Amino acid sequence: MATSLPTLTDIVESVSADSDAALLLAKQVAAQLSLPLREKSLNTAQIQVSTDLVSLHIPELGNPVNIDFATGKYDHRRKFGGGRGQPLARAVGLKKGQTPTIIDATAGFARDAFVLASLGCDVSMLEQSGIMSLLIYQAINRGNENDVISEITKRLSITHCNAIDYLNELTSMPDVIYLDPMYPSRDKSALVKKEMQLLHQLIGPDLDSEELLSIARKKALKRVVVKRPKGADYVGMQKPSVSITSKNTRYDIYPTF
């Protein structure tokens, strides 16, 4: 059975605006998340809103986290990721004359979805965290106003939902369903990346990946792709028909039923 969505107020206490100009957007965000509007604080978990950016601040993780498709890792992967020859593109079946429609059922920080959209795919993202969904939604809106990447972000959409519930009710099938389940660090003494720490706090442990894979295989028209660390077990011990590997990552490809 699918797990329920996490309660936002268990993690984030309030929303703040960093200026009077950002106040209207901050009020909209606060209403959307059913959170109070407060003064900016460095000591509490808070959604911090500026005129052009929505960020999540969790004190123990340091600087606020946001999603900006025009900068950083997103921009680097768009420019230097390897085009349609990179492992991710080959895994979803991108080739000359074939540009699949994709549901990314575990959007996270939307990095892979953005790469696939930059290669021409229409990507519908699903995300069970309302906060992550909000960050992605705001990033898409900003991207749509940026002449450099607007043609990419217009291929992206985000739905806040439980992916299992969504796929169970799906009637318009995509060519590919893409899954990147939460994977805990095997080395508990090692520092987990800041973004992974954040996802663990927002989403919690992975309890549904086996069920999600089984449902996805009934809904995708062509294939299901599961992203895993290179040495990780197969999801639910379901062996893929083939895998494509890169230095640290493995893409397991499953046929549909």
C-alpha atoms as a PDB file:
ATOM      1  CA  MET A   1       0.000   0.000   0.000  1.00  0.00           C
ATOM      2  CA  ALA A   2       1.279   3.478  -0.857  1.00  0.00           C
ATOM      3  CA  THR A   3       2.500   5.558   2.046  1.00  0.00           C
ATOM      4  CA  SER A   4       0.856   8.902   2.813  1.00  0.00           C
ATOM      5  CA  LEU A   5       2.521  12.194   1.972  1.00  0.00           C
ATOM      6  CA  PRO A   6       4.747  13.644   4.728  1.00  0.00           C
ATOM      7  CA  THR A   7       3.427  16.517   6.805  1.00  0.00           C
ATOM      8  CA  LEU A   8       5.174  19.722   5.781  1.00  0.00           C
ATOM      9  CA  THR A   9       4.968  21.331   9.187  1.00  0.00           C
ATOM     10  CA  ASP A  10       6.925  18.425  10.672  1.00  0.00           C
ATOM     11  CA  ILE A  11       9.922  19.835   8.769  1.00  0.00           C
ATOM     12  CA  VAL A  12       9.391  23.498   7.917  1.00  0.00           C
ATOM     13  CA  GLU A  13       7.964  25.970  10.417  1.00  0.00           C
ATOM     14  CA  SER A  14       7.293  29.087   8.384  1.00  0.00           C
ATOM     15  CA  VAL A  15       7.772  31.217   5.256  1.00  0.00           C
ATOM     16  CA  SER A  16       9.657  34.527   5.156  1.00  0.00           C
ATOM     17  CA  ALA A  17      10.139  37.350   2.654  1.00  0.00           C
ATOM     18  CA  ASP A  18      13.572  38.952   2.344  1.00  0.00           C
ATOM     19  CA  SER A  19      12.107  42.295   1.201  1.00  0.00           C
ATOM     20  CA  ASP A  20       8.843  44.157   0.779  1.00  0.00           C
ATOM     21  CA  ALA A  21       9.022  43.411  -2.947  1.00  0.00           C
ATOM     22  CA  ALA A  22       8.999  39.674  -2.210  1.00  0.00           C
ATOM     23  CA  LEU A  23       6.117  39.853   0.247  1.00  0.00           C
ATOM     24  CA  LEU A  24       3.330  39.042  -2.228  1.00  0.00           C
ATOM     25  CA  LEU A  25       5.085  35.902  -3.479  1.00  0.00           C
ATOM     26  CA  ALA A  26       5.890  34.901   0.115  1.00  0.00           C
ATOM     27  CA  LYS A  27       2.215  35.207   1.049  1.00  0.00           C
ATOM     28  CA  GLN A  28       1.264  33.043  -1.930  1.00  0.00           C
ATOM     29  CA  VAL A  29       3.815  30.398  -0.949  1.00  0.00           C
ATOM     30  CA  ALA A  30       2.676  30.450   2.686  1.00  0.00           C
ATOM     31  CA  ALA A  31      -0.949  29.960   1.620  1.00  0.00           C
ATOM     32  CA  GLN A  32       0.004  27.149  -0.760  1.00  0.00           C
ATOM     33  CA  LEU A  33       1.874  25.272   1.968  1.00  0.00           C
ATOM     34  CA  SER A  34      -0.514  26.221   4.802  1.00  0.00           C
ATOM     35  CA  LEU A  35       2.389  27.714   6.760  1.00  0.00           C
ATOM     36  CA  PRO A  36       2.587  30.996   8.705  1.00  0.00           C
ATOM     37  CA  LEU A  37       4.458  34.024   7.393  1.00  0.00           C
ATOM     38  CA  ARG A  38       7.269  35.017   9.783  1.00  0.00           C
ATOM     39  CA  GLU A  39      10.399  37.143   9.957  1.00  0.00           C
ATOM     40  CA  LYS A  40      13.475  35.619   8.331  1.00  0.00           C
ATOM     41  CA  SER A  41      15.303  33.310  10.749  1.00  0.00           C
ATOM     42  CA  LEU A  42      18.583  31.444  10.563  1.00  0.00           C
ATOM     43  CA  ASN A  43      17.667  29.191  13.481  1.00  0.00           C
ATOM     44  CA  THR A  44      14.524  27.506  12.145  1.00  0.00           C
ATOM     45  CA  ALA A  45      13.617  25.453   9.095  1.00  0.00           C
ATOM     46  CA  GLN A  46      12.009  27.949   6.766  1.00  0.00           C
ATOM     47  CA  ILE A  47      11.021  28.668   3.170  1.00  0.00           C
ATOM     48  CA  GLN A  48      12.821  31.910   2.296  1.00  0.00           C
ATOM     49  CA  VAL A  49      11.418  33.962  -0.579  1.00  0.00           C
ATOM     50  CA  SER A  50      13.152  36.696  -2.573  1.00  0.00           C
ATOM     51  CA  THR A  51      11.812  38.515  -5.627  1.00  0.00           C
ATOM     52  CA  ASP A  52      13.200  35.890  -7.995  1.00  0.00           C
ATOM     53  CA  LEU A  53      14.052  32.832  -5.892  1.00  0.00           C
ATOM     54  CA  VAL A  54      12.391  30.462  -3.440  1.00  0.00           C
ATOM     55  CA  SER A  55      14.840  28.631  -1.156  1.00  0.00           C
ATOM     56  CA  LEU A  56      14.641  26.111   1.668  1.00  0.00           C
ATOM     57  CA  HIS A  57      16.703  26.817   4.761  1.00  0.00           C
ATOM     58  CA  ILE A  58      17.367  24.012   7.249  1.00  0.00           C
ATOM     59  CA  PRO A  59      19.880  25.255   9.871  1.00  0.00           C
ATOM     60  CA  GLU A  60      21.919  22.068  10.211  1.00  0.00           C
ATOM     61  CA  LEU A  61      22.476  21.913   6.443  1.00  0.00           C
ATOM     62  CA  GLY A  62      24.024  25.377   6.151  1.00  0.00           C
ATOM     63  CA  ASN A  63      23.172  27.713   3.275  1.00  0.00           C
ATOM     64  CA  PRO A  64      19.632  27.694   1.819  1.00  0.00           C
ATOM     65  CA  VAL A  65      18.940  25.238  -1.001  1.00  0.00           C
ATOM     66  CA  ASN A  66      17.144  26.158  -4.206  1.00  0.00           C
ATOM     67  CA  ILE A  67      16.714  24.968  -7.782  1.00  0.00           C
ATOM     68  CA  ASP A  68      17.904  27.176 -10.634  1.00  0.00           C
ATOM     69  CA  PHE A  69      18.007  25.498 -14.038  1.00  0.00           C
ATOM     70  CA  ALA A  70      20.100  28.308 -15.537  1.00  0.00           C
ATOM     71  CA  THR A  71      23.117  27.900 -13.240  1.00  0.00           C
ATOM     72  CA  GLY A  72      25.395  25.424 -11.468  1.00  0.00           C
ATOM     73  CA  LYS A  73      25.148  21.703 -12.101  1.00  0.00           C
ATOM     74  CA  TYR A  74      22.062  22.106 -14.269  1.00  0.00           C
ATOM     75  CA  ASP A  75      23.818  24.462 -16.663  1.00  0.00           C
ATOM     76  CA  HIS A  76      26.974  22.335 -16.675  1.00  0.00           C
ATOM     77  CA  ARG A  77      25.095  19.151 -17.555  1.00  0.00           C
ATOM     78  CA  ARG A  78      23.143  20.944 -20.280  1.00  0.00           C
ATOM     79  CA  LYS A  79      26.375  22.139 -21.892  1.00  0.00           C
ATOM     80  CA  PHE A  80      28.775  19.274 -21.207  1.00  0.00           C
ATOM     81  CA  GLY A  81      26.669  16.212 -20.314  1.00  0.00           C
ATOM     82  CA  GLY A  82      27.336  14.351 -23.544  1.00  0.00           C
ATOM     83  CA  GLY A  83      24.125  14.898 -25.479  1.00  0.00           C
ATOM     84  CA  ARG A  84      22.170  11.895 -26.716  1.00  0.00           C
ATOM     85  CA  GLY A  85      25.221   9.693 -26.317  1.00  0.00           C
ATOM     86  CA  GLN A  86      25.311   9.953 -22.506  1.00  0.00           C
ATOM     87  CA  PRO A  87      24.196   6.888 -20.496  1.00  0.00           C
ATOM     88  CA  LEU A  88      20.969   8.510 -19.244  1.00  0.00           C
ATOM     89  CA  ALA A  89      19.863   9.345 -22.787  1.00  0.00           C
ATOM     90  CA  ARG A  90      20.684   5.873 -24.082  1.00  0.00           C
ATOM     91  CA  ALA A  91      18.867   4.282 -21.147  1.00  0.00           C
ATOM     92  CA  VAL A  92      15.559   6.003 -21.943  1.00  0.00           C
ATOM     93  CA  GLY A  93      15.896   5.167 -25.644  1.00  0.00           C
ATOM     94  CA  LEU A  94      16.805   8.560 -27.057  1.00  0.00           C
ATOM     95  CA  LYS A  95      18.137   8.092 -30.574  1.00  0.00           C
ATOM     96  CA  LYS A  96      17.784   9.590 -34.040  1.00  0.00           C
ATOM     97  CA  GLY A  97      14.107   9.835 -34.854  1.00  0.00           C
ATOM     98  CA  GLN A  98      13.016   8.710 -31.373  1.00  0.00           C
ATOM     99  CA  THR A  99      12.310  11.204 -28.593  1.00  0.00           C
ATOM    100  CA  PRO A 100      10.208   9.432 -25.954  1.00  0.00           C
ATOM    101  CA  THR A 101       7.676  11.016 -23.656  1.00  0.00           C
ATOM    102  CA  ILE A 102       8.724  10.454 -20.052  1.00  0.00           C
ATOM    103  CA  ILE A 103       7.248  10.409 -16.574  1.00  0.00           C
ATOM    104  CA  ASP A 104       9.910  10.974 -13.928  1.00  0.00           C
ATOM    105  CA  ALA A 105       8.109   9.461 -10.946  1.00  0.00           C
ATOM    106  CA  THR A 106      10.735  10.472  -8.354  1.00  0.00           C
ATOM    107  CA  ALA A 107      11.690  14.010  -9.368  1.00  0.00           C
ATOM    108  CA  GLY A 108      13.903  14.994  -6.413  1.00  0.00           C
ATOM    109  CA  PHE A 109      16.002  17.965  -7.525  1.00  0.00           C
ATOM    110  CA  ALA A 110      14.860  17.509 -11.157  1.00  0.00           C
ATOM    111  CA  ARG A 111      18.400  17.225 -12.536  1.00  0.00           C
ATOM    112  CA  ASP A 112      17.814  14.196 -14.747  1.00  0.00           C
ATOM    113  CA  ALA A 113      14.443  15.540 -15.871  1.00  0.00           C
ATOM    114  CA  PHE A 114      16.098  18.795 -16.921  1.00  0.00           C
ATOM    115  CA  VAL A 115      18.780  16.925 -18.880  1.00  0.00           C
ATOM    116  CA  LEU A 116      16.145  14.854 -20.683  1.00  0.00           C
ATOM    117  CA  ALA A 117      14.119  17.972 -21.483  1.00  0.00           C
ATOM    118  CA  SER A 118      17.275  19.644 -22.809  1.00  0.00           C
ATOM    119  CA  LEU A 119      17.568  16.711 -25.235  1.00  0.00           C
ATOM    120  CA  GLY A 120      14.036  17.254 -26.519  1.00  0.00           C
ATOM    121  CA  CYS A 121      11.871  15.037 -24.286  1.00  0.00           C
ATOM    122  CA  ASP A 122       8.601  16.124 -22.718  1.00  0.00           C
ATOM    123  CA  VAL A 123       9.019  15.168 -19.054  1.00  0.00           C
ATOM    124  CA  SER A 124       6.181  15.041 -16.514  1.00  0.00           C
ATOM    125  CA  MET A 125       7.669  15.008 -13.024  1.00  0.00           C
ATOM    126  CA  LEU A 126       5.992  13.542  -9.940  1.00  0.00           C
ATOM    127  CA  GLU A 127       7.162  14.473  -6.450  1.00  0.00           C
ATOM    128  CA  GLN A 128       5.669  13.472  -3.108  1.00  0.00           C
ATOM    129  CA  SER A 129       7.280  16.324  -1.165  1.00  0.00           C
ATOM    130  CA  GLY A 130       5.220  19.480  -1.409  1.00  0.00           C
ATOM    131  CA  ILE A 131       8.288  21.574  -0.663  1.00  0.00           C
ATOM    132  CA  MET A 132      10.390  20.000  -3.405  1.00  0.00           C
ATOM    133  CA  SER A 133       7.437  20.334  -5.785  1.00  0.00           C
ATOM    134  CA  LEU A 134       7.264  24.033  -4.956  1.00  0.00           C
ATOM    135  CA  LEU A 135      10.998  24.541  -5.569  1.00  0.00           C
ATOM    136  CA  ILE A 136      10.712  22.784  -8.945  1.00  0.00           C
ATOM    137  CA  TYR A 137       7.579  24.731  -9.895  1.00  0.00           C
ATOM    138  CA  GLN A 138       9.275  28.038  -9.139  1.00  0.00           C
ATOM    139  CA  ALA A 139      12.378  26.941 -11.077  1.00  0.00           C
ATOM    140  CA  ILE A 140      10.253  26.098 -14.125  1.00  0.00           C
ATOM    141  CA  ASN A 141       8.549  29.491 -13.949  1.00  0.00           C
ATOM    142  CA  ARG A 142      11.908  31.279 -13.781  1.00  0.00           C
ATOM    143  CA  GLY A 143      13.227  29.156 -16.615  1.00  0.00           C
ATOM    144  CA  ASN A 144      10.249  30.050 -18.795  1.00  0.00           C
ATOM    145  CA  GLU A 145      11.306  33.700 -18.503  1.00  0.00           C
ATOM    146  CA  ASN A 146      14.931  32.965 -19.429  1.00  0.00           C
ATOM    147  CA  ASP A 147      15.560  33.111 -23.186  1.00  0.00           C
ATOM    148  CA  VAL A 148      18.473  30.666 -22.938  1.00  0.00           C
ATOM    149  CA  ILE A 149      16.532  27.782 -21.376  1.00  0.00           C
ATOM    150  CA  SER A 150      12.842  28.582 -21.893  1.00  0.00           C
ATOM    151  CA  GLU A 151      12.481  26.046 -24.703  1.00  0.00           C
ATOM    152  CA  ILE A 152      13.731  23.404 -22.256  1.00  0.00           C
ATOM    153  CA  THR A 153      11.647  24.310 -19.219  1.00  0.00           C
ATOM    154  CA  LYS A 154       8.485  24.468 -21.337  1.00  0.00           C
ATOM    155  CA  ARG A 155       8.914  20.713 -21.778  1.00  0.00           C
ATOM    156  CA  LEU A 156       8.794  20.205 -18.004  1.00  0.00           C
ATOM    157  CA  SER A 157       5.839  19.901 -15.638  1.00  0.00           C
ATOM    158  CA  ILE A 158       5.574  19.007 -11.959  1.00  0.00           C
ATOM    159  CA  THR A 159       2.770  17.337 -10.008  1.00  0.00           C
ATOM    160  CA  HIS A 160       2.804  17.014  -6.220  1.00  0.00           C
ATOM    161  CA  CYS A 161       1.410  13.554  -5.567  1.00  0.00           C
ATOM    162  CA  ASN A 162       2.085  10.036  -4.417  1.00  0.00           C
ATOM    163  CA  ALA A 163       3.552   8.396  -7.521  1.00  0.00           C
ATOM    164  CA  ILE A 164       1.917   5.026  -6.880  1.00  0.00           C
ATOM    165  CA  ASP A 165      -1.524   6.588  -6.593  1.00  0.00           C
ATOM    166  CA  TYR A 166      -0.885   8.713  -9.680  1.00  0.00           C
ATOM    167  CA  LEU A 167       0.299   5.816 -11.840  1.00  0.00           C
ATOM    168  CA  ASN A 168      -2.570   3.594 -10.698  1.00  0.00           C
ATOM    169  CA  GLU A 169      -5.020   6.167 -12.052  1.00  0.00           C
ATOM    170  CA  LEU A 170      -3.036   6.983 -15.197  1.00  0.00           C
ATOM    171  CA  THR A 171      -4.896   6.596 -18.499  1.00  0.00           C
ATOM    172  CA  SER A 172      -2.562   8.436 -20.901  1.00  0.00           C
ATOM    173  CA  MET A 173       0.559   6.294 -20.990  1.00  0.00           C
ATOM    174  CA  PRO A 174       4.103   7.664 -21.482  1.00  0.00           C
ATOM    175  CA  ASP A 175       6.738   5.894 -23.533  1.00  0.00           C
ATOM    176  CA  VAL A 176       9.081   5.688 -20.538  1.00  0.00           C
ATOM    177  CA  ILE A 177       8.733   5.836 -16.768  1.00  0.00           C
ATOM    178  CA  TYR A 178      11.934   6.860 -14.992  1.00  0.00           C
ATOM    179  CA  LEU A 179      12.630   6.040 -11.338  1.00  0.00           C
ATOM    180  CA  ASP A 180      15.438   7.208  -9.083  1.00  0.00           C
ATOM    181  CA  PRO A 181      14.510   5.739  -5.671  1.00  0.00           C
ATOM    182  CA  MET A 182      16.037   7.028  -2.470  1.00  0.00           C
ATOM    183  CA  TYR A 183      19.161   5.050  -1.647  1.00  0.00           C
ATOM    184  CA  PRO A 184      20.776   5.350   1.800  1.00  0.00           C
ATOM    185  CA  SER A 185      24.530   5.557   2.175  1.00  0.00           C
ATOM    186  CA  ARG A 186      26.045   2.172   3.017  1.00  0.00           C
ATOM    187  CA  ASP A 187      28.774   3.890   5.033  1.00  0.00           C
ATOM    188  CA  LYS A 188      27.014   5.442   8.006  1.00  0.00           C
ATOM    189  CA  SER A 189      30.198   7.191   9.076  1.00  0.00           C
ATOM    190  CA  ALA A 190      30.508   9.022   5.763  1.00  0.00           C
ATOM    191  CA  LEU A 191      28.996  12.466   5.307  1.00  0.00           C
ATOM    192  CA  VAL A 192      25.947  12.192   3.098  1.00  0.00           C
ATOM    193  CA  LYS A 193      25.706  14.929   0.488  1.00  0.00           C
ATOM    194  CA  LYS A 194      23.803  17.995   1.594  1.00  0.00           C
ATOM    195  CA  GLU A 195      21.084  17.465  -1.009  1.00  0.00           C
ATOM    196  CA  MET A 196      20.641  13.815  -0.042  1.00  0.00           C
ATOM    197  CA  GLN A 197      20.336  14.814   3.607  1.00  0.00           C
ATOM    198  CA  LEU A 198      17.647  17.265   2.594  1.00  0.00           C
ATOM    199  CA  LEU A 199      15.707  14.681   0.575  1.00  0.00           C
ATOM    200  CA  HIS A 200      15.879  12.228   3.459  1.00  0.00           C
ATOM    201  CA  GLN A 201      14.397  14.856   5.761  1.00  0.00           C
ATOM    202  CA  LEU A 202      11.642  15.840   3.340  1.00  0.00           C
ATOM    203  CA  ILE A 203      10.692  12.439   1.960  1.00  0.00           C
ATOM    204  CA  GLY A 204      11.783   9.907   4.565  1.00  0.00           C
ATOM    205  CA  PRO A 205      12.913   6.326   3.932  1.00  0.00           C
ATOM    206  CA  ASP A 206      12.190   4.512   0.687  1.00  0.00           C
ATOM    207  CA  LEU A 207       9.379   2.059   1.399  1.00  0.00           C
ATOM    208  CA  ASP A 208       7.625   1.844  -1.953  1.00  0.00           C
ATOM    209  CA  SER A 209      10.193   1.396  -4.725  1.00  0.00           C
ATOM    210  CA  GLU A 210       9.374  -2.261  -5.375  1.00  0.00           C
ATOM    211  CA  GLU A 211       5.651  -1.540  -5.701  1.00  0.00           C
ATOM    212  CA  LEU A 212       6.368   1.557  -7.770  1.00  0.00           C
ATOM    213  CA  LEU A 213       8.513  -0.434 -10.200  1.00  0.00           C
ATOM    214  CA  SER A 214       5.840  -3.107 -10.587  1.00  0.00           C
ATOM    215  CA  ILE A 215       3.134  -0.543 -11.359  1.00  0.00           C
ATOM    216  CA  ALA A 216       5.410   1.435 -13.695  1.00  0.00           C
ATOM    217  CA  ARG A 217       6.039  -1.689 -15.771  1.00  0.00           C
ATOM    218  CA  LYS A 218       2.283  -1.972 -16.347  1.00  0.00           C
ATOM    219  CA  LYS A 219       1.910   1.675 -17.351  1.00  0.00           C
ATOM    220  CA  ALA A 220       4.887   2.565 -19.576  1.00  0.00           C
ATOM    221  CA  LEU A 221       4.476   1.887 -23.290  1.00  0.00           C
ATOM    222  CA  LYS A 222       8.107   1.032 -24.031  1.00  0.00           C
ATOM    223  CA  ARG A 223      10.297   0.668 -20.938  1.00  0.00           C
ATOM    224  CA  VAL A 224      10.959   1.528 -17.304  1.00  0.00           C
ATOM    225  CA  VAL A 225      14.374   2.848 -16.302  1.00  0.00           C
ATOM    226  CA  VAL A 226      15.619   2.682 -12.706  1.00  0.00           C
ATOM    227  CA  LYS A 227      18.685   4.678 -11.683  1.00  0.00           C
ATOM    228  CA  ARG A 228      20.843   3.029  -9.026  1.00  0.00           C
ATOM    229  CA  PRO A 229      24.318   3.398  -7.529  1.00  0.00           C
ATOM    230  CA  LYS A 230      26.632   1.160  -9.522  1.00  0.00           C
ATOM    231  CA  GLY A 231      26.962  -1.538  -6.855  1.00  0.00           C
ATOM    232  CA  ALA A 232      23.407  -1.433  -5.508  1.00  0.00           C
ATOM    233  CA  ASP A 233      20.980  -4.341  -5.456  1.00  0.00           C
ATOM    234  CA  TYR A 234      18.200  -4.422  -8.021  1.00  0.00           C
ATOM    235  CA  VAL A 235      14.964  -2.871  -6.780  1.00  0.00           C
ATOM    236  CA  GLY A 236      12.855  -5.630  -5.235  1.00  0.00           C
ATOM    237  CA  MET A 237      15.386  -8.122  -6.619  1.00  0.00           C
ATOM    238  CA  GLN A 238      13.690  -7.659 -10.016  1.00  0.00           C
ATOM    239  CA  LYS A 239      16.412  -8.320 -12.570  1.00  0.00           C
ATOM    240  CA  PRO A 240      16.414  -5.909 -15.527  1.00  0.00           C
ATOM    241  CA  SER A 241      16.665  -7.019 -19.126  1.00  0.00           C
ATOM    242  CA  VAL A 242      19.789  -4.895 -19.541  1.00  0.00           C
ATOM    243  CA  SER A 243      21.766  -2.257 -17.653  1.00  0.00           C
ATOM    244  CA  ILE A 244      23.775   0.735 -18.845  1.00  0.00           C
ATOM    245  CA  THR A 245      26.556   1.860 -16.516  1.00  0.00           C
ATOM    246  CA  SER A 246      28.652   4.956 -16.042  1.00  0.00           C
ATOM    247  CA  LYS A 247      31.410   5.622 -13.526  1.00  0.00           C
ATOM    248  CA  ASN A 248      29.222   5.614 -10.406  1.00  0.00           C
ATOM    249  CA  THR A 249      25.728   4.960 -11.719  1.00  0.00           C
ATOM    250  CA  ARG A 250      23.756   2.102 -13.230  1.00  0.00           C
ATOM    251  CA  TYR A 251      20.574   2.428 -15.282  1.00  0.00           C
ATOM    252  CA  ASP A 252      18.481  -0.736 -15.088  1.00  0.00           C
ATOM    253  CA  ILE A 253      16.102  -1.134 -18.024  1.00  0.00           C
ATOM    254  CA  TYR A 254      12.909  -3.165 -17.624  1.00  0.00           C
ATOM    255  CA  PRO A 255      10.462  -4.297 -20.299  1.00  0.00           C
ATOM    256  CA  THR A 256       6.785  -3.487 -19.848  1.00  0.00           C
ATOM    257  CA  PHE A 257       4.025  -6.016 -19.184  1.00  0.00           C
END
